[in-house]
Protein backbone atom coordinates (compact mmCIF):
# COMPACT_ATOMS: atom_id res chain seq x y z
CA MET A 1 -6.10 6.47 -12.91
CA ALA A 2 -3.49 3.26 -12.12
CA ARG A 3 -4.11 -0.10 -11.47
CA VAL A 4 -3.07 -1.80 -8.26
CA ASN A 5 -2.04 -5.29 -8.37
CA PHE A 6 -2.29 -7.26 -4.92
CA TYR A 7 -0.35 -10.10 -3.99
CA ILE A 8 -2.35 -13.08 -4.34
CA ASP A 9 -1.52 -16.04 -2.65
CA GLN A 10 -1.99 -19.59 -3.49
CA ARG A 11 -5.51 -20.19 -2.37
CA GLY A 12 -6.23 -17.69 -4.82
CA ARG A 13 -6.63 -15.24 -1.31
CA SER A 14 -5.43 -11.52 -1.71
CA PRO A 15 -4.59 -10.32 2.50
CA VAL A 16 -3.75 -6.60 1.74
CA GLY A 17 -6.83 -6.54 -0.37
CA ASP A 18 -8.35 -8.31 2.33
CA PHE A 19 -6.75 -6.16 4.72
CA LEU A 20 -7.73 -3.03 2.56
CA ASP A 21 -11.42 -4.72 2.23
CA LYS A 22 -12.07 -4.48 6.53
CA ASN A 23 -10.24 -1.42 7.23
CA LYS A 24 -11.47 2.27 5.87
CA ASN A 25 -9.63 4.44 7.14
CA ALA A 26 -6.51 2.37 5.84
CA LYS A 27 -8.23 1.50 2.94
CA VAL A 28 -8.73 5.35 2.61
CA LYS A 29 -5.27 6.42 3.37
CA ALA A 30 -3.61 3.64 1.07
CA PHE A 31 -5.22 5.21 -2.08
CA VAL A 32 -4.88 8.75 -1.17
CA ILE A 33 -1.15 7.43 -1.81
CA PHE A 34 -1.46 5.30 -4.55
CA ASN A 35 -3.42 8.84 -6.41
CA ASN A 36 0.28 10.35 -4.79
CA ILE A 37 2.46 8.15 -6.80
CA GLU A 38 0.55 8.76 -9.79
CA GLU A 39 0.70 12.46 -9.95
CA PHE A 40 3.34 12.92 -8.25
CA GLY A 41 6.00 10.43 -7.81
CA LEU A 42 7.95 8.20 -6.08
CA THR A 43 9.29 11.01 -4.58
CA SER A 44 5.99 11.97 -3.06
CA VAL A 45 5.81 9.21 -0.75
CA ILE A 46 8.97 8.32 0.68
CA PRO A 47 7.75 9.29 4.12
CA HIS A 48 4.71 6.21 3.39
CA LEU A 49 6.94 3.88 0.92
CA LYS A 50 9.66 1.37 1.79
CA LYS A 51 12.44 -1.13 0.02
CA LEU A 52 12.24 -4.26 0.97
CA ALA A 53 15.86 -5.33 1.73
CA GLY A 54 16.39 -7.91 -1.50
CA LEU A 55 13.08 -8.88 -2.35
CA PRO A 56 10.88 -7.17 -4.92
CA LEU A 57 8.16 -5.65 -2.64
CA TRP A 58 7.78 -2.79 -1.23
CA GLU A 59 5.84 -1.53 1.74
CA ILE A 60 3.38 1.45 1.94
CA ARG A 61 4.02 1.86 5.78
CA PHE A 62 0.37 4.88 7.20
CA LEU A 63 1.71 7.01 9.00
CA GLY A 64 -0.45 8.96 11.65
CA ARG A 65 -3.10 7.83 14.56
CA ASP A 66 -4.31 4.72 12.94
CA SER A 67 -0.21 3.74 11.93
CA VAL A 68 -0.09 0.76 9.68
CA ARG A 69 2.51 -1.74 7.82
CA ARG A 70 1.46 -4.05 5.08
CA CYS A 71 4.07 -5.10 1.99
């Protein structure tokens, strides 16, 4: 399984990690996307992935009934 590194702010907090810990459905969707990236590459998740212009960050979009966007 691939390692996923989340952003950590100056206070040592991980906003994305905290969000996923509090939202089980989003966490499941995120890890399905991460596993698909690992197994099939980035092209397999293009509807769920977007590079943010001018930044070294990617946005992951969890689409569906409970749509969410996180960087």
